[in-house]
PDB file of N, CA and C in Angstrom:
ATOM      1  N   MET A   1      -7.639  -3.202  40.380  1.00  0.00           N
ATOM      2  CA  MET A   1      -7.701  -4.436  40.998  1.00  0.00           C
ATOM      3  C   MET A   1      -7.006  -4.583  42.382  1.00  0.00           C
ATOM      4  N   SER A   2      -7.465  -5.192  43.419  1.00  0.00           N
ATOM      5  CA  SER A   2      -6.679  -5.492  44.708  1.00  0.00           C
ATOM      6  C   SER A   2      -5.791  -6.695  44.682  1.00  0.00           C
ATOM      7  N   ASP A   3      -4.960  -6.672  45.733  1.00  0.00           N
ATOM      8  CA  ASP A   3      -4.060  -7.677  46.087  1.00  0.00           C
ATOM      9  C   ASP A   3      -4.929  -8.850  46.271  1.00  0.00           C
ATOM     10  N   ASP A   4      -6.132  -9.065  46.479  1.00  0.00           N
ATOM     11  CA  ASP A   4      -6.881 -10.491  46.712  1.00  0.00           C
ATOM     12  C   ASP A   4      -7.485 -10.928  45.433  1.00  0.00           C
ATOM     13  N   ASP A   5      -7.300 -10.111  44.475  1.00  0.00           N
ATOM     14  CA  ASP A   5      -7.494 -10.779  42.851  1.00  0.00           C
ATOM     15  C   ASP A   5      -6.431 -11.595  42.635  1.00  0.00           C
ATOM     16  N   TYR A   6      -6.899 -12.686  41.912  1.00  0.00           N
ATOM     17  CA  TYR A   6      -5.940 -13.653  41.230  1.00  0.00           C
ATOM     18  C   TYR A   6      -6.260 -13.919  39.729  1.00  0.00           C
ATOM     19  N   ILE A   7      -5.496 -14.211  38.882  1.00  0.00           N
ATOM     20  CA  ILE A   7      -5.781 -14.172  37.664  1.00  0.00           C
ATOM     21  C   ILE A   7      -5.080 -15.817  37.134  1.00  0.00           C
ATOM     22  N   TYR A   8      -5.630 -16.600  36.290  1.00  0.00           N
ATOM     23  CA  TYR A   8      -5.196 -17.898  36.007  1.00  0.00           C
ATOM     24  C   TYR A   8      -4.006 -17.376  34.804  1.00  0.00           C
ATOM     25  N   ASP A   9      -2.876 -17.844  34.958  1.00  0.00           N
ATOM     26  CA  ASP A   9      -1.939 -17.586  33.920  1.00  0.00           C
ATOM     27  C   ASP A   9      -1.769 -18.902  33.058  1.00  0.00           C
ATOM     28  N   GLU A  10      -2.386 -18.863  31.667  1.00  0.00           N
ATOM     29  CA  GLU A  10      -2.259 -19.941  30.845  1.00  0.00           C
ATOM     30  C   GLU A  10      -0.775 -20.523  30.542  1.00  0.00           C
ATOM     31  N   ALA A  11       0.013 -19.413  30.485  1.00  0.00           N
ATOM     32  CA  ALA A  11       1.486 -19.793  30.067  1.00  0.00           C
ATOM     33  C   ALA A  11       2.305 -20.679  31.028  1.00  0.00           C
ATOM     34  N   SER A  12       2.042 -20.147  32.262  1.00  0.00           N
ATOM     35  CA  SER A  12       2.566 -21.045  33.305  1.00  0.00           C
ATOM     36  C   SER A  12       1.588 -22.243  33.968  1.00  0.00           C
ATOM     37  N   GLY A  13       0.509 -21.912  33.688  1.00  0.00           N
ATOM     38  CA  GLY A  13      -0.620 -22.959  34.506  1.00  0.00           C
ATOM     39  C   GLY A  13      -0.700 -22.575  35.814  1.00  0.00           C
ATOM     40  N   GLU A  14      -0.594 -21.569  36.390  1.00  0.00           N
ATOM     41  CA  GLU A  14      -0.541 -21.112  38.002  1.00  0.00           C
ATOM     42  C   GLU A  14      -1.550 -19.922  38.088  1.00  0.00           C
ATOM     43  N   TRP A  15      -1.950 -20.005  39.085  1.00  0.00           N
ATOM     44  CA  TRP A  15      -2.793 -18.531  39.755  1.00  0.00           C
ATOM     45  C   TRP A  15      -1.898 -17.582  40.150  1.00  0.00           C
ATOM     46  N   ILE A  16      -1.864 -16.379  39.630  1.00  0.00           N
ATOM     47  CA  ILE A  16      -0.926 -15.469  39.924  1.00  0.00           C
ATOM     48  C   ILE A  16      -1.851 -13.903  40.337  1.00  0.00           C
ATOM     49  N   SER A  17      -1.180 -13.090  41.186  1.00  0.00           N
ATOM     50  CA  SER A  17      -1.922 -12.119  41.714  1.00  0.00           C
ATOM     51  C   SER A  17      -2.307 -11.045  40.415  1.00  0.00           C
ATOM     52  N   ALA A  18      -3.121 -10.214  40.610  1.00  0.00           N
ATOM     53  CA  ALA A  18      -3.320  -9.462  39.432  1.00  0.00           C
ATOM     54  C   ALA A  18      -2.466  -8.285  39.384  1.00  0.00           C
ATOM     55  N   THR A  19      -1.537  -7.845  40.260  1.00  0.00           N
ATOM     56  CA  THR A  19      -0.501  -6.950  40.318  1.00  0.00           C
ATOM     57  C   THR A  19       0.734  -7.638  39.216  1.00  0.00           C
ATOM     58  N   ASP A  20       0.826  -8.862  39.649  1.00  0.00           N
ATOM     59  CA  ASP A  20       2.146  -9.608  39.237  1.00  0.00           C
ATOM     60  C   ASP A  20       1.702  -9.901  37.589  1.00  0.00           C
ATOM     61  N   ALA A  21       0.304 -10.107  37.039  1.00  0.00           N
ATOM     62  CA  ALA A  21      -0.130 -10.338  36.050  1.00  0.00           C
ATOM     63  C   ALA A  21      -0.025  -8.978  35.142  1.00  0.00           C
ATOM     64  N   ALA A  22      -0.008  -7.742  35.516  1.00  0.00           N
ATOM     65  CA  ALA A  22      -0.132  -6.490  34.971  1.00  0.00           C
ATOM     66  C   ALA A  22       1.258  -6.105  34.755  1.00  0.00           C
ATOM     67  N   ALA A  23       1.993  -6.634  35.604  1.00  0.00           N
ATOM     68  CA  ALA A  23       3.589  -6.434  35.537  1.00  0.00           C
ATOM     69  C   ALA A  23       4.253  -7.259  34.192  1.00  0.00           C
ATOM     70  N   GLN A  24       3.668  -8.505  34.283  1.00  0.00           N
ATOM     71  CA  GLN A  24       4.199  -9.240  33.098  1.00  0.00           C
ATOM     72  C   GLN A  24       3.711  -8.655  31.707  1.00  0.00           C
ATOM     73  N   GLN A  25       2.285  -8.261  31.883  1.00  0.00           N
ATOM     74  CA  GLN A  25       1.857  -7.910  30.559  1.00  0.00           C
ATOM     75  C   GLN A  25       2.644  -6.499  30.083  1.00  0.00           C
ATOM     76  N   GLY A  26       2.632  -5.665  31.105  1.00  0.00           N
ATOM     77  CA  GLY A  26       3.730  -4.594  30.686  1.00  0.00           C
ATOM     78  C   GLY A  26       5.122  -4.680  30.129  1.00  0.00           C
ATOM     79  N   ALA A  27       5.753  -5.804  30.650  1.00  0.00           N
ATOM     80  CA  ALA A  27       7.216  -6.359  30.226  1.00  0.00           C
ATOM     81  C   ALA A  27       7.023  -6.999  28.917  1.00  0.00           C
ATOM     82  N   SER A  28       5.958  -7.594  28.492  1.00  0.00           N
ATOM     83  CA  SER A  28       5.984  -8.529  27.326  1.00  0.00           C
ATOM     84  C   SER A  28       5.543  -7.367  26.042  1.00  0.00           C
ATOM     85  N   ASP A  29       4.941  -6.175  26.282  1.00  0.00           N
ATOM     86  CA  ASP A  29       4.596  -5.173  25.274  1.00  0.00           C
ATOM     87  C   ASP A  29       6.280  -4.620  24.640  1.00  0.00           C
ATOM     88  N   VAL A  30       7.374  -4.995  25.381  1.00  0.00           N
ATOM     89  CA  VAL A  30       8.369  -4.012  24.701  1.00  0.00           C
ATOM     90  C   VAL A  30       9.050  -5.234  24.168  1.00  0.00           C
ATOM     91  N   VAL A  31       9.144  -4.716  22.698  1.00  0.00           N
ATOM     92  CA  VAL A  31       9.890  -5.577  21.405  1.00  0.00           C
ATOM     93  C   VAL A  31      11.374  -5.516  21.517  1.00  0.00           C
ATOM     94  N   GLU A  32      11.988  -6.569  21.607  1.00  0.00           N
ATOM     95  CA  GLU A  32      13.552  -6.442  21.478  1.00  0.00           C
ATOM     96  C   GLU A  32      13.763  -6.557  19.975  1.00  0.00           C
ATOM     97  N   VAL A  33      14.867  -5.939  19.734  1.00  0.00           N
ATOM     98  CA  VAL A  33      15.182  -5.641  18.248  1.00  0.00           C
ATOM     99  C   VAL A  33      16.428  -6.153  18.494  1.00  0.00           C
ATOM    100  N   ARG A  34      17.013  -7.303  17.670  1.00  0.00           N
ATOM    101  CA  ARG A  34      18.263  -7.618  17.788  1.00  0.00           C
ATOM    102  C   ARG A  34      18.974  -7.634  16.329  1.00  0.00           C
ATOM    103  N   ASP A  35      20.365  -7.219  16.046  1.00  0.00           N
ATOM    104  CA  ASP A  35      20.857  -7.296  14.778  1.00  0.00           C
ATOM    105  C   ASP A  35      21.586  -8.655  14.538  1.00  0.00           C
ATOM    106  N   ALA A  36      22.148  -8.579  13.353  1.00  0.00           N
ATOM    107  CA  ALA A  36      22.779  -9.719  12.670  1.00  0.00           C
ATOM    108  C   ALA A  36      23.388 -10.870  13.596  1.00  0.00           C
ATOM    109  N   VAL A  37      24.074  -9.982  14.551  1.00  0.00           N
ATOM    110  CA  VAL A  37      24.958 -10.841  15.238  1.00  0.00           C
ATOM    111  C   VAL A  37      24.368 -11.161  16.748  1.00  0.00           C
ATOM    112  N   GLY A  38      23.208 -10.454  17.124  1.00  0.00           N
ATOM    113  CA  GLY A  38      22.665 -10.642  18.377  1.00  0.00           C
ATOM    114  C   GLY A  38      22.578  -9.832  19.263  1.00  0.00           C
ATOM    115  N   ASN A  39      23.212  -8.464  18.977  1.00  0.00           N
ATOM    116  CA  ASN A  39      23.116  -7.159  19.793  1.00  0.00           C
ATOM    117  C   ASN A  39      21.941  -6.373  19.761  1.00  0.00           C
ATOM    118  N   LEU A  40      21.480  -6.070  20.936  1.00  0.00           N
ATOM    119  CA  LEU A  40      20.171  -5.578  21.255  1.00  0.00           C
ATOM    120  C   LEU A  40      20.429  -3.977  20.603  1.00  0.00           C
ATOM    121  N   LEU A  41      19.350  -3.613  19.823  1.00  0.00           N
ATOM    122  CA  LEU A  41      19.077  -2.450  19.215  1.00  0.00           C
ATOM    123  C   LEU A  41      18.352  -1.464  20.017  1.00  0.00           C
ATOM    124  N   ALA A  42      18.643  -0.414  19.856  1.00  0.00           N
ATOM    125  CA  ALA A  42      17.668   0.875  20.620  1.00  0.00           C
ATOM    126  C   ALA A  42      17.587   2.082  19.839  1.00  0.00           C
ATOM    127  N   ASP A  43      16.529   2.924  19.897  1.00  0.00           N
ATOM    128  CA  ASP A  43      16.475   4.185  19.177  1.00  0.00           C
ATOM    129  C   ASP A  43      17.733   4.981  19.219  1.00  0.00           C
ATOM    130  N   GLY A  44      18.276   5.550  18.007  1.00  0.00           N
ATOM    131  CA  GLY A  44      19.144   6.475  17.941  1.00  0.00           C
ATOM    132  C   GLY A  44      20.753   5.575  17.773  1.00  0.00           C
ATOM    133  N   ASP A  45      20.908   4.070  17.751  1.00  0.00           N
ATOM    134  CA  ASP A  45      21.839   3.647  17.696  1.00  0.00           C
ATOM    135  C   ASP A  45      22.276   3.851  15.925  1.00  0.00           C
ATOM    136  N   GLN A  46      23.734   3.549  15.852  1.00  0.00           N
ATOM    137  CA  GLN A  46      24.483   3.659  14.569  1.00  0.00           C
ATOM    138  C   GLN A  46      24.663   1.954  14.062  1.00  0.00           C
ATOM    139  N   VAL A  47      24.034   1.814  12.875  1.00  0.00           N
ATOM    140  CA  VAL A  47      24.302   0.262  12.379  1.00  0.00           C
ATOM    141  C   VAL A  47      25.081   0.346  10.958  1.00  0.00           C
ATOM    142  N   THR A  48      25.799  -0.698  10.753  1.00  0.00           N
ATOM    143  CA  THR A  48      26.411  -1.002   9.669  1.00  0.00           C
ATOM    144  C   THR A  48      25.909  -1.924   8.783  1.00  0.00           C
ATOM    145  N   LEU A  49      25.701  -1.784   7.563  1.00  0.00           N
ATOM    146  CA  LEU A  49      25.102  -2.894   6.758  1.00  0.00           C
ATOM    147  C   LEU A  49      26.104  -3.963   6.477  1.00  0.00           C
ATOM    148  N   ILE A  50      25.557  -5.215   6.432  1.00  0.00           N
ATOM    149  CA  ILE A  50      26.607  -6.485   6.377  1.00  0.00           C
ATOM    150  C   ILE A  50      26.511  -6.878   4.871  1.00  0.00           C
ATOM    151  N   LYS A  51      25.470  -6.366   4.101  1.00  0.00           N
ATOM    152  CA  LYS A  51      25.327  -6.886   2.790  1.00  0.00           C
ATOM    153  C   LYS A  51      24.910  -6.043   1.963  1.00  0.00           C
ATOM    154  N   ASP A  52      25.028  -5.932   0.717  1.00  0.00           N
ATOM    155  CA  ASP A  52      24.690  -4.926  -0.449  1.00  0.00           C
ATOM    156  C   ASP A  52      23.314  -5.318  -0.626  1.00  0.00           C
ATOM    157  N   LEU A  53      22.415  -4.128  -0.389  1.00  0.00           N
ATOM    158  CA  LEU A  53      21.181  -4.206  -0.542  1.00  0.00           C
ATOM    159  C   LEU A  53      20.464  -3.023  -1.811  1.00  0.00           C
ATOM    160  N   THR A  54      19.807  -3.603  -2.565  1.00  0.00           N
ATOM    161  CA  THR A  54      19.200  -2.698  -3.537  1.00  0.00           C
ATOM    162  C   THR A  54      17.889  -2.066  -3.158  1.00  0.00           C
ATOM    163  N   VAL A  55      17.728  -0.726  -3.288  1.00  0.00           N
ATOM    164  CA  VAL A  55      16.627  -0.151  -2.584  1.00  0.00           C
ATOM    165  C   VAL A  55      15.217   0.050  -3.618  1.00  0.00           C
ATOM    166  N   LYS A  56      14.249  -0.681  -3.304  1.00  0.00           N
ATOM    167  CA  LYS A  56      13.246  -0.481  -4.202  1.00  0.00           C
ATOM    168  C   LYS A  56      12.468   0.995  -4.264  1.00  0.00           C
ATOM    169  N   GLY A  57      12.476   1.417  -5.509  1.00  0.00           N
ATOM    170  CA  GLY A  57      11.722   2.602  -5.692  1.00  0.00           C
ATOM    171  C   GLY A  57      12.707   3.887  -5.704  1.00  0.00           C
ATOM    172  N   ALA A  58      14.055   3.611  -5.246  1.00  0.00           N
ATOM    173  CA  ALA A  58      14.688   4.569  -5.295  1.00  0.00           C
ATOM    174  C   ALA A  58      15.997   4.531  -6.429  1.00  0.00           C
ATOM    175  N   GLY A  59      15.952   3.266  -6.875  1.00  0.00           N
ATOM    176  CA  GLY A  59      16.966   2.974  -8.031  1.00  0.00           C
ATOM    177  C   GLY A  59      18.432   3.011  -7.493  1.00  0.00           C
ATOM    178  N   GLN A  60      18.810   2.759  -6.238  1.00  0.00           N
ATOM    179  CA  GLN A  60      19.942   2.763  -5.634  1.00  0.00           C
ATOM    180  C   GLN A  60      20.494   1.503  -5.201  1.00  0.00           C
ATOM    181  N   THR A  61      21.472   1.352  -4.888  1.00  0.00           N
ATOM    182  CA  THR A  61      22.245   0.260  -4.150  1.00  0.00           C
ATOM    183  C   THR A  61      22.951   0.879  -2.911  1.00  0.00           C
ATOM    184  N   LEU A  62      22.625   0.282  -1.932  1.00  0.00           N
ATOM    185  CA  LEU A  62      23.475   0.508  -0.476  1.00  0.00           C
ATOM    186  C   LEU A  62      24.354  -0.639  -0.508  1.00  0.00           C
ATOM    187  N   LYS A  63      25.880  -0.143  -0.281  1.00  0.00           N
ATOM    188  CA  LYS A  63      26.936  -0.893  -0.500  1.00  0.00           C
ATOM    189  C   LYS A  63      26.964  -1.386   1.198  1.00  0.00           C
ATOM    190  N   ARG A  64      27.885  -2.622   1.262  1.00  0.00           N
ATOM    191  CA  ARG A  64      28.057  -3.358   2.584  1.00  0.00           C
ATOM    192  C   ARG A  64      29.305  -2.293   3.320  1.00  0.00           C
ATOM    193  N   GLY A  65      28.955  -2.161   4.644  1.00  0.00           N
ATOM    194  CA  GLY A  65      29.638  -1.237   5.224  1.00  0.00           C
ATOM    195  C   GLY A  65      29.295   0.273   5.297  1.00  0.00           C
ATOM    196  N   THR A  66      28.026   0.282   4.863  1.00  0.00           N
ATOM    197  CA  THR A  66      27.506   1.700   4.900  1.00  0.00           C
ATOM    198  C   THR A  66      27.173   1.775   6.065  1.00  0.00           C
ATOM    199  N   LEU A  67      27.375   3.138   6.616  1.00  0.00           N
ATOM    200  CA  LEU A  67      26.940   3.664   8.219  1.00  0.00           C
ATOM    201  C   LEU A  67      25.559   4.130   8.020  1.00  0.00           C
ATOM    202  N   ILE A  68      24.558   3.766   8.658  1.00  0.00           N
ATOM    203  CA  ILE A  68      23.360   4.309   8.797  1.00  0.00           C
ATOM    204  C   ILE A  68      23.116   4.811  10.117  1.00  0.00           C
ATOM    205  N   LYS A  69      22.967   6.164  10.545  1.00  0.00           N
ATOM    206  CA  LYS A  69      22.886   6.934  11.646  1.00  0.00           C
ATOM    207  C   LYS A  69      21.336   7.193  12.246  1.00  0.00           C
ATOM    208  N   SER A  70      21.423   7.090  13.295  1.00  0.00           N
ATOM    209  CA  SER A  70      20.113   7.397  14.258  1.00  0.00           C
ATOM    210  C   SER A  70      18.805   6.680  13.716  1.00  0.00           C
ATOM    211  N   ILE A  71      18.923   5.248  14.172  1.00  0.00           N
ATOM    212  CA  ILE A  71      17.774   4.493  13.652  1.00  0.00           C
ATOM    213  C   ILE A  71      16.589   4.762  14.713  1.00  0.00           C
ATOM    214  N   ARG A  72      15.397   4.367  14.150  1.00  0.00           N
ATOM    215  CA  ARG A  72      14.322   4.147  15.095  1.00  0.00           C
ATOM    216  C   ARG A  72      13.447   2.765  14.926  1.00  0.00           C
ATOM    217  N   LEU A  73      13.126   2.314  16.218  1.00  0.00           N
ATOM    218  CA  LEU A  73      12.578   1.137  16.027  1.00  0.00           C
ATOM    219  C   LEU A  73      10.921   1.211  15.848  1.00  0.00           C
ATOM    220  N   THR A  74      10.355   0.134  15.326  1.00  0.00           N
ATOM    221  CA  THR A  74       9.107   0.268  14.491  1.00  0.00           C
ATOM    222  C   THR A  74       7.994  -0.349  15.354  1.00  0.00           C
ATOM    223  N   GLY A  75       8.587  -0.988  16.413  1.00  0.00           N
ATOM    224  CA  GLY A  75       7.559  -1.925  17.143  1.00  0.00           C
ATOM    225  C   GLY A  75       7.477  -3.373  16.338  1.00  0.00           C
ATOM    226  N   ASP A  76       8.249  -3.592  15.226  1.00  0.00           N
ATOM    227  CA  ASP A  76       8.187  -4.929  14.842  1.00  0.00           C
ATOM    228  C   ASP A  76       9.642  -5.437  15.230  1.00  0.00           C
ATOM    229  N   SER A  77       9.721  -6.824  15.395  1.00  0.00           N
ATOM    230  CA  SER A  77      11.157  -6.897  15.976  1.00  0.00           C
ATOM    231  C   SER A  77      11.968  -7.429  14.766  1.00  0.00           C
ATOM    232  N   GLN A  78      11.700  -7.094  13.798  1.00  0.00           N
ATOM    233  CA  GLN A  78      12.618  -7.341  12.517  1.00  0.00           C
ATOM    234  C   GLN A  78      13.004  -5.940  11.652  1.00  0.00           C
ATOM    235  N   GLU A  79      12.051  -4.999  11.868  1.00  0.00           N
ATOM    236  CA  GLU A  79      12.172  -3.741  10.939  1.00  0.00           C
ATOM    237  C   GLU A  79      12.827  -2.687  11.989  1.00  0.00           C
ATOM    238  N   ILE A  80      13.772  -1.678  11.094  1.00  0.00           N
ATOM    239  CA  ILE A  80      14.130  -0.398  11.770  1.00  0.00           C
ATOM    240  C   ILE A  80      13.873   0.459  10.657  1.00  0.00           C
ATOM    241  N   ASP A  81      13.409   1.592  11.351  1.00  0.00           N
ATOM    242  CA  ASP A  81      13.349   2.683  10.312  1.00  0.00           C
ATOM    243  C   ASP A  81      14.523   3.510  10.442  1.00  0.00           C
ATOM    244  N   CYS A  82      14.987   4.164   9.259  1.00  0.00           N
ATOM    245  CA  CYS A  82      16.279   5.037   9.141  1.00  0.00           C
ATOM    246  C   CYS A  82      16.121   6.067   8.095  1.00  0.00           C
ATOM    247  N   ARG A  83      16.929   7.030   7.980  1.00  0.00           N
ATOM    248  CA  ARG A  83      17.119   7.821   6.977  1.00  0.00           C
ATOM    249  C   ARG A  83      18.459   7.638   6.453  1.00  0.00           C
ATOM    250  N   TYR A  84      18.559   7.992   5.079  1.00  0.00           N
ATOM    251  CA  TYR A  84      19.823   7.825   4.418  1.00  0.00           C
ATOM    252  C   TYR A  84      19.848   8.843   3.210  1.00  0.00           C
ATOM    253  N   GLU A  85      20.926   9.652   2.784  1.00  0.00           N
ATOM    254  CA  GLU A  85      21.001  10.576   2.244  1.00  0.00           C
ATOM    255  C   GLU A  85      20.301  10.180   0.631  1.00  0.00           C
ATOM    256  N   GLY A  86      19.166  10.932   0.262  1.00  0.00           N
ATOM    257  CA  GLY A  86      18.690  10.702  -1.040  1.00  0.00           C
ATOM    258  C   GLY A  86      17.323   9.718  -0.979  1.00  0.00           C
ATOM    259  N   ILE A  87      17.209   9.054   0.137  1.00  0.00           N
ATOM    260  CA  ILE A  87      16.239   7.956   0.255  1.00  0.00           C
ATOM    261  C   ILE A  87      15.422   8.431   1.670  1.00  0.00           C
ATOM    262  N   LYS A  88      14.067   8.504   1.441  1.00  0.00           N
ATOM    263  CA  LYS A  88      13.157   8.845   2.359  1.00  0.00           C
ATOM    264  C   LYS A  88      12.371   7.608   2.810  1.00  0.00           C
ATOM    265  N   GLY A  89      12.116   7.504   4.018  1.00  0.00           N
ATOM    266  CA  GLY A  89      11.117   6.643   4.353  1.00  0.00           C
ATOM    267  C   GLY A  89      11.893   4.958   4.132  1.00  0.00           C
ATOM    268  N   LEU A  90      13.215   5.157   4.783  1.00  0.00           N
ATOM    269  CA  LEU A  90      13.976   3.697   4.412  1.00  0.00           C
ATOM    270  C   LEU A  90      13.641   2.674   5.706  1.00  0.00           C
ATOM    271  N   VAL A  91      13.247   1.726   5.506  1.00  0.00           N
ATOM    272  CA  VAL A  91      13.065   0.645   6.324  1.00  0.00           C
ATOM    273  C   VAL A  91      13.859  -0.660   6.072  1.00  0.00           C
ATOM    274  N   LEU A  92      14.937  -0.924   7.084  1.00  0.00           N
ATOM    275  CA  LEU A  92      15.638  -2.157   6.937  1.00  0.00           C
ATOM    276  C   LEU A  92      15.351  -3.177   7.654  1.00  0.00           C
ATOM    277  N   ARG A  93      15.803  -4.501   7.307  1.00  0.00           N
ATOM    278  CA  ARG A  93      15.593  -5.469   8.196  1.00  0.00           C
ATOM    279  C   ARG A  93      16.690  -5.664   9.064  1.00  0.00           C
ATOM    280  N   ALA A  94      16.630  -5.979  10.498  1.00  0.00           N
ATOM    281  CA  ALA A  94      17.578  -6.224  11.313  1.00  0.00           C
ATOM    282  C   ALA A  94      18.556  -7.043  10.949  1.00  0.00           C
ATOM    283  N   GLU A  95      18.258  -8.235  10.202  1.00  0.00           N
ATOM    284  CA  GLU A  95      19.204  -9.431   9.721  1.00  0.00           C
ATOM    285  C   GLU A  95      20.294  -8.813   9.008  1.00  0.00           C
ATOM    286  N   PHE A  96      20.036  -7.585   8.487  1.00  0.00           N
ATOM    287  CA  PHE A  96      20.960  -6.980   7.525  1.00  0.00           C
ATOM    288  C   PHE A  96      22.135  -6.266   8.055  1.00  0.00           C
ATOM    289  N   VAL A  97      21.941  -5.819   9.422  1.00  0.00           N
ATOM    290  CA  VAL A  97      22.725  -4.657  10.163  1.00  0.00           C
ATOM    291  C   VAL A  97      23.475  -5.266  11.221  1.00  0.00           C
ATOM    292  N   ARG A  98      24.293  -4.608  11.417  1.00  0.00           N
ATOM    293  CA  ARG A  98      25.221  -4.847  12.880  1.00  0.00           C
ATOM    294  C   ARG A  98      25.674  -3.592  13.233  1.00  0.00           C
ATOM    295  N   LYS A  99      25.195  -3.569  14.796  1.00  0.00           N
ATOM    296  CA  LYS A  99      25.425  -2.399  15.561  1.00  0.00           C
ATOM    297  C   LYS A  99      26.884  -1.831  15.576  1.00  0.00           C
ATOM    298  N   ARG A 100      27.147  -0.504  15.675  1.00  0.00           N
ATOM    299  CA  ARG A 100      28.553  -0.049  15.486  1.00  0.00           C
ATOM    300  C   ARG A 100      28.986   0.328  16.785  1.00  0.00           C
TER     301      ARG A 100
END
């Protein structure tokens, strides 16, 4: 696309250049994951549980205050992927963790 191309942006109701539209599209693909108190989470962060959670299929309960190291974002704004000893494939909701 050249700079002479314009695209109608339905969100703002204005005509914007194609380069601006591409930049907005790239920025909107990034998912922000926030913890229970509003801190922004990133891959590799450490989080602490703020509530006792019963893990389905593992027969185990994770207690409040448990430290989870090295989280991974899944692309969903409310889910994080992590590992904990003895539990493979653990997915936690962001509303139950706090960034450490």
